[in-house]
């Protein structure tokens, strides 16, 4: 097979009857299914259709899902991914907590307002990210262009780290009495 599921592609030979409809050269499509000589694509307007794969080319994109990696490439990716997570959490923690030295202050706000426990507040935010990831897995595209799937995954990982830090902080607080 020429393409992989979730790979981004572009049409290179739209037929005259495709003009203004599903296929055009400017639109990126996502491969939903592959057959021997055809692919089912998803357009940004959520229309799906089968086409002969010879009409498409892969878009060179380092974020294409399904790209094979060596272990060494993965470890480099992981290191860069985590470094970016640290950069993001520093910036967001500054924005959400201001001058408060407590890194969990904004999360504790839900408990202080009697909405739910702080831990449940973390889980709600994590669930929101999981719902967005699930939508991407099902549809292959996201409508909000300024937050990529990678950004969403970093946010989820940062919420996990924050929750782990919060739990550790509470255990230390309980020990210190």
C-alpha atoms as a PDB file:
ATOM      1  CA  UNK A   1       0.000   0.000   0.000  1.00  0.00           C
ATOM      2  CA  UNK A   2       1.150   3.465  -0.858  1.00  0.00           C
ATOM      3  CA  UNK A   3      -0.350   5.236   2.177  1.00  0.00           C
ATOM      4  CA  UNK A   4      -0.987   4.608   5.885  1.00  0.00           C
ATOM      5  CA  UNK A   5      -4.046   5.246   8.013  1.00  0.00           C
ATOM      6  CA  UNK A   6      -4.037   8.804   9.444  1.00  0.00           C
ATOM      7  CA  UNK A   7      -1.410   9.948   6.952  1.00  0.00           C
ATOM      8  CA  UNK A   8      -1.916  13.425   5.502  1.00  0.00           C
ATOM      9  CA  UNK A   9      -2.260  13.562   1.711  1.00  0.00           C
ATOM     10  CA  UNK A  10      -2.994  16.098  -1.024  1.00  0.00           C
ATOM     11  CA  UNK A  11      -4.848  15.536  -4.295  1.00  0.00           C
ATOM     12  CA  UNK A  12      -2.682  16.129  -7.376  1.00  0.00           C
ATOM     13  CA  UNK A  13      -5.227  15.286 -10.088  1.00  0.00           C
ATOM     14  CA  UNK A  14      -8.734  16.491  -9.278  1.00  0.00           C
ATOM     15  CA  UNK A  15     -11.242  15.652 -11.969  1.00  0.00           C
ATOM     16  CA  UNK A  16     -13.268  18.491 -13.551  1.00  0.00           C
ATOM     17  CA  UNK A  17     -16.427  17.335 -11.747  1.00  0.00           C
ATOM     18  CA  UNK A  18     -14.544  17.541  -8.411  1.00  0.00           C
ATOM     19  CA  UNK A  19     -13.991  21.303  -8.766  1.00  0.00           C
ATOM     20  CA  UNK A  20     -15.501  23.129  -5.847  1.00  0.00           C
ATOM     21  CA  UNK A  21     -16.582  19.881  -4.259  1.00  0.00           C
ATOM     22  CA  UNK A  22     -14.590  17.403  -2.172  1.00  0.00           C
ATOM     23  CA  UNK A  23     -11.278  17.320  -4.033  1.00  0.00           C
ATOM     24  CA  UNK A  24      -8.973  20.241  -4.708  1.00  0.00           C
ATOM     25  CA  UNK A  25      -5.233  20.816  -4.655  1.00  0.00           C
ATOM     26  CA  UNK A  26      -5.226  23.208  -1.683  1.00  0.00           C
ATOM     27  CA  UNK A  27      -6.896  20.934   0.853  1.00  0.00           C
ATOM     28  CA  UNK A  28      -5.095  18.466   3.095  1.00  0.00           C
ATOM     29  CA  UNK A  29      -6.894  15.172   3.539  1.00  0.00           C
ATOM     30  CA  UNK A  30      -6.458  12.426   6.111  1.00  0.00           C
ATOM     31  CA  UNK A  31      -6.371   8.769   5.086  1.00  0.00           C
ATOM     32  CA  UNK A  32      -9.062   6.800   6.944  1.00  0.00           C
ATOM     33  CA  UNK A  33      -8.729   3.430   5.191  1.00  0.00           C
ATOM     34  CA  UNK A  34      -6.448   1.853   2.602  1.00  0.00           C
ATOM     35  CA  UNK A  35      -7.121  -0.777  -0.027  1.00  0.00           C
ATOM     36  CA  UNK A  36      -4.888  -2.156  -2.757  1.00  0.00           C
ATOM     37  CA  UNK A  37      -5.332   0.800  -5.107  1.00  0.00           C
ATOM     38  CA  UNK A  38      -7.713   3.137  -3.302  1.00  0.00           C
ATOM     39  CA  UNK A  39      -7.918   5.205  -0.147  1.00  0.00           C
ATOM     40  CA  UNK A  40     -10.817   6.596   1.841  1.00  0.00           C
ATOM     41  CA  UNK A  41     -10.055  10.195   2.751  1.00  0.00           C
ATOM     42  CA  UNK A  42     -11.560  12.666   5.178  1.00  0.00           C
ATOM     43  CA  UNK A  43     -11.781  16.290   4.075  1.00  0.00           C
ATOM     44  CA  UNK A  44     -11.718  19.233   6.460  1.00  0.00           C
ATOM     45  CA  UNK A  45     -15.496  19.584   6.012  1.00  0.00           C
ATOM     46  CA  UNK A  46     -15.857  16.009   7.388  1.00  0.00           C
ATOM     47  CA  UNK A  47     -16.900  14.533   4.042  1.00  0.00           C
ATOM     48  CA  UNK A  48     -15.522  11.052   3.414  1.00  0.00           C
ATOM     49  CA  UNK A  49     -15.016   9.400   0.031  1.00  0.00           C
ATOM     50  CA  UNK A  50     -13.061   6.661  -1.713  1.00  0.00           C
ATOM     51  CA  UNK A  51     -10.590   7.585  -4.476  1.00  0.00           C
ATOM     52  CA  UNK A  52      -7.882   5.857  -6.476  1.00  0.00           C
ATOM     53  CA  UNK A  53      -4.673   6.440  -4.555  1.00  0.00           C
ATOM     54  CA  UNK A  54      -2.791   7.518  -7.706  1.00  0.00           C
ATOM     55  CA  UNK A  55      -4.602  10.844  -7.396  1.00  0.00           C
ATOM     56  CA  UNK A  56      -2.833  11.650  -4.115  1.00  0.00           C
ATOM     57  CA  UNK A  57       0.646  12.318  -2.781  1.00  0.00           C
ATOM     58  CA  UNK A  58       1.802  12.211   0.808  1.00  0.00           C
ATOM     59  CA  UNK A  59       2.396  15.532   2.486  1.00  0.00           C
ATOM     60  CA  UNK A  60       5.864  15.729   3.948  1.00  0.00           C
ATOM     61  CA  UNK A  61       5.069  16.401   7.573  1.00  0.00           C
ATOM     62  CA  UNK A  62       7.103  15.393  10.588  1.00  0.00           C
ATOM     63  CA  UNK A  63       3.851  15.115  12.549  1.00  0.00           C
ATOM     64  CA  UNK A  64       2.312  12.470  10.258  1.00  0.00           C
ATOM     65  CA  UNK A  65       0.882   9.794  12.517  1.00  0.00           C
ATOM     66  CA  UNK A  66       2.216   6.315  11.814  1.00  0.00           C
ATOM     67  CA  UNK A  67       5.697   7.322  10.704  1.00  0.00           C
ATOM     68  CA  UNK A  68       8.070   4.577  11.764  1.00  0.00           C
ATOM     69  CA  UNK A  69      10.835   5.535  14.155  1.00  0.00           C
ATOM     70  CA  UNK A  70      13.911   3.800  15.413  1.00  0.00           C
ATOM     71  CA  UNK A  71      14.392   3.503  19.172  1.00  0.00           C
ATOM     72  CA  UNK A  72      17.104   6.162  18.990  1.00  0.00           C
ATOM     73  CA  UNK A  73      14.802   8.523  17.083  1.00  0.00           C
ATOM     74  CA  UNK A  74      12.008   7.860  19.589  1.00  0.00           C
ATOM     75  CA  UNK A  75      14.276   8.630  22.566  1.00  0.00           C
ATOM     76  CA  UNK A  76      15.350  11.905  20.935  1.00  0.00           C
ATOM     77  CA  UNK A  77      11.708  12.706  20.239  1.00  0.00           C
ATOM     78  CA  UNK A  78      10.795  11.863  23.852  1.00  0.00           C
ATOM     79  CA  UNK A  79      13.557  14.086  25.206  1.00  0.00           C
ATOM     80  CA  UNK A  80      12.434  17.025  23.054  1.00  0.00           C
ATOM     81  CA  UNK A  81       8.767  16.339  23.873  1.00  0.00           C
ATOM     82  CA  UNK A  82       9.475  16.381  27.621  1.00  0.00           C
ATOM     83  CA  UNK A  83      11.676  19.483  27.372  1.00  0.00           C
ATOM     84  CA  UNK A  84       8.812  21.270  25.625  1.00  0.00           C
ATOM     85  CA  UNK A  85       6.420  20.027  28.335  1.00  0.00           C
ATOM     86  CA  UNK A  86       8.643  21.617  31.002  1.00  0.00           C
ATOM     87  CA  UNK A  87       8.737  24.888  29.047  1.00  0.00           C
ATOM     88  CA  UNK A  88       4.944  24.850  28.710  1.00  0.00           C
ATOM     89  CA  UNK A  89       4.262  23.986  32.364  1.00  0.00           C
ATOM     90  CA  UNK A  90       6.563  26.797  33.550  1.00  0.00           C
ATOM     91  CA  UNK A  91       4.778  29.333  31.372  1.00  0.00           C
ATOM     92  CA  UNK A  92       1.259  28.122  32.163  1.00  0.00           C
ATOM     93  CA  UNK A  93       1.970  27.784  35.892  1.00  0.00           C
ATOM     94  CA  UNK A  94       3.200  31.373  35.895  1.00  0.00           C
ATOM     95  CA  UNK A  95       0.087  32.540  34.047  1.00  0.00           C
ATOM     96  CA  UNK A  96      -2.381  30.581  36.193  1.00  0.00           C
ATOM     97  CA  UNK A  97      -0.833  31.115  39.644  1.00  0.00           C
ATOM     98  CA  UNK A  98       0.754  34.550  39.257  1.00  0.00           C
ATOM     99  CA  UNK A  99       2.922  35.415  42.255  1.00  0.00           C
ATOM    100  CA  UNK A 100       1.499  32.605  44.377  1.00  0.00           C
ATOM    101  CA  UNK A 101       4.344  30.179  45.184  1.00  0.00           C
ATOM    102  CA  UNK A 102       1.870  27.264  45.310  1.00  0.00           C
ATOM    103  CA  UNK A 103       2.040  25.511  41.908  1.00  0.00           C
ATOM    104  CA  UNK A 104      -1.385  23.929  42.509  1.00  0.00           C
ATOM    105  CA  UNK A 105      -3.248  27.112  43.543  1.00  0.00           C
ATOM    106  CA  UNK A 106      -5.454  27.266  40.455  1.00  0.00           C
ATOM    107  CA  UNK A 107      -6.418  23.596  40.818  1.00  0.00           C
ATOM    108  CA  UNK A 108      -7.228  24.015  44.505  1.00  0.00           C
ATOM    109  CA  UNK A 109      -9.622  26.811  43.546  1.00  0.00           C
ATOM    110  CA  UNK A 110     -12.347  24.298  42.613  1.00  0.00           C
ATOM    111  CA  UNK A 111     -12.197  22.781  46.084  1.00  0.00           C
ATOM    112  CA  UNK A 112     -12.137  26.207  47.751  1.00  0.00           C
ATOM    113  CA  UNK A 113     -15.275  27.081  45.760  1.00  0.00           C
ATOM    114  CA  UNK A 114     -16.938  23.820  46.890  1.00  0.00           C
ATOM    115  CA  UNK A 115     -17.247  22.613  43.274  1.00  0.00           C
ATOM    116  CA  UNK A 116     -15.332  19.360  43.713  1.00  0.00           C
ATOM    117  CA  UNK A 117     -12.117  18.051  45.250  1.00  0.00           C
ATOM    118  CA  UNK A 118      -8.811  19.278  43.874  1.00  0.00           C
ATOM    119  CA  UNK A 119      -8.088  15.769  42.589  1.00  0.00           C
ATOM    120  CA  UNK A 120     -11.434  15.670  40.785  1.00  0.00           C
ATOM    121  CA  UNK A 121     -10.582  19.058  39.277  1.00  0.00           C
ATOM    122  CA  UNK A 122      -7.415  17.563  37.811  1.00  0.00           C
ATOM    123  CA  UNK A 123      -9.410  14.613  36.459  1.00  0.00           C
ATOM    124  CA  UNK A 124     -11.977  16.876  34.789  1.00  0.00           C
ATOM    125  CA  UNK A 125      -9.214  18.731  32.943  1.00  0.00           C
ATOM    126  CA  UNK A 126      -7.571  15.436  31.996  1.00  0.00           C
ATOM    127  CA  UNK A 127     -10.900  14.060  30.787  1.00  0.00           C
ATOM    128  CA  UNK A 128     -11.367  17.120  28.552  1.00  0.00           C
ATOM    129  CA  UNK A 129      -7.991  16.398  26.936  1.00  0.00           C
ATOM    130  CA  UNK A 130      -8.836  12.693  26.570  1.00  0.00           C
ATOM    131  CA  UNK A 131     -12.115  13.617  24.845  1.00  0.00           C
ATOM    132  CA  UNK A 132     -10.209  15.804  22.370  1.00  0.00           C
ATOM    133  CA  UNK A 133      -7.682  13.022  21.724  1.00  0.00           C
ATOM    134  CA  UNK A 134     -10.523  10.547  21.199  1.00  0.00           C
ATOM    135  CA  UNK A 135     -12.130  12.909  18.696  1.00  0.00           C
ATOM    136  CA  UNK A 136      -8.841  13.088  16.773  1.00  0.00           C
ATOM    137  CA  UNK A 137      -8.454   9.300  16.796  1.00  0.00           C
ATOM    138  CA  UNK A 138     -11.989   8.868  15.458  1.00  0.00           C
ATOM    139  CA  UNK A 139     -11.975  11.664  12.864  1.00  0.00           C
ATOM    140  CA  UNK A 140      -8.294  12.208  12.081  1.00  0.00           C
ATOM    141  CA  UNK A 141      -8.633  15.992  12.242  1.00  0.00           C
ATOM    142  CA  UNK A 142      -9.224  18.724  14.802  1.00  0.00           C
ATOM    143  CA  UNK A 143     -11.193  21.901  14.107  1.00  0.00           C
ATOM    144  CA  UNK A 144      -9.243  24.193  16.465  1.00  0.00           C
ATOM    145  CA  UNK A 145      -6.159  24.875  14.376  1.00  0.00           C
ATOM    146  CA  UNK A 146      -4.070  26.615  17.032  1.00  0.00           C
ATOM    147  CA  UNK A 147      -3.870  23.506  19.270  1.00  0.00           C
ATOM    148  CA  UNK A 148      -2.363  20.469  17.573  1.00  0.00           C
ATOM    149  CA  UNK A 149      -2.854  16.905  18.752  1.00  0.00           C
ATOM    150  CA  UNK A 150       0.728  17.019  20.034  1.00  0.00           C
ATOM    151  CA  UNK A 151      -0.159  20.105  22.127  1.00  0.00           C
ATOM    152  CA  UNK A 152      -3.149  18.250  23.582  1.00  0.00           C
ATOM    153  CA  UNK A 153      -0.988  15.227  24.441  1.00  0.00           C
ATOM    154  CA  UNK A 154       1.565  17.497  26.137  1.00  0.00           C
ATOM    155  CA  UNK A 155      -1.202  19.134  28.163  1.00  0.00           C
ATOM    156  CA  UNK A 156      -2.485  15.715  29.256  1.00  0.00           C
ATOM    157  CA  UNK A 157       1.014  14.630  30.264  1.00  0.00           C
ATOM    158  CA  UNK A 158       1.519  17.893  32.165  1.00  0.00           C
ATOM    159  CA  UNK A 159      -1.786  17.407  34.004  1.00  0.00           C
ATOM    160  CA  UNK A 160      -0.583  13.913  34.952  1.00  0.00           C
ATOM    161  CA  UNK A 161       2.694  15.318  36.283  1.00  0.00           C
ATOM    162  CA  UNK A 162       0.856  18.057  38.159  1.00  0.00           C
ATOM    163  CA  UNK A 163      -1.513  15.539  39.748  1.00  0.00           C
ATOM    164  CA  UNK A 164       1.427  13.319  40.721  1.00  0.00           C
ATOM    165  CA  UNK A 165       3.147  16.349  42.257  1.00  0.00           C
ATOM    166  CA  UNK A 166      -0.020  17.342  44.078  1.00  0.00           C
ATOM    167  CA  UNK A 167      -0.463  13.841  45.525  1.00  0.00           C
ATOM    168  CA  UNK A 168       3.180  13.791  46.636  1.00  0.00           C
ATOM    169  CA  UNK A 169       2.749  17.229  48.201  1.00  0.00           C
ATOM    170  CA  UNK A 170      -0.324  16.056  50.149  1.00  0.00           C
ATOM    171  CA  UNK A 171       1.528  12.951  51.394  1.00  0.00           C
ATOM    172  CA  UNK A 172       4.421  15.100  52.601  1.00  0.00           C
ATOM    173  CA  UNK A 173       1.998  17.508  54.243  1.00  0.00           C
ATOM    174  CA  UNK A 174       0.293  14.602  56.057  1.00  0.00           C
ATOM    175  CA  UNK A 175       3.636  13.257  57.274  1.00  0.00           C
ATOM    176  CA  UNK A 176       4.724  16.677  58.526  1.00  0.00           C
ATOM    177  CA  UNK A 177       1.393  16.972  60.240  1.00  0.00           C
END
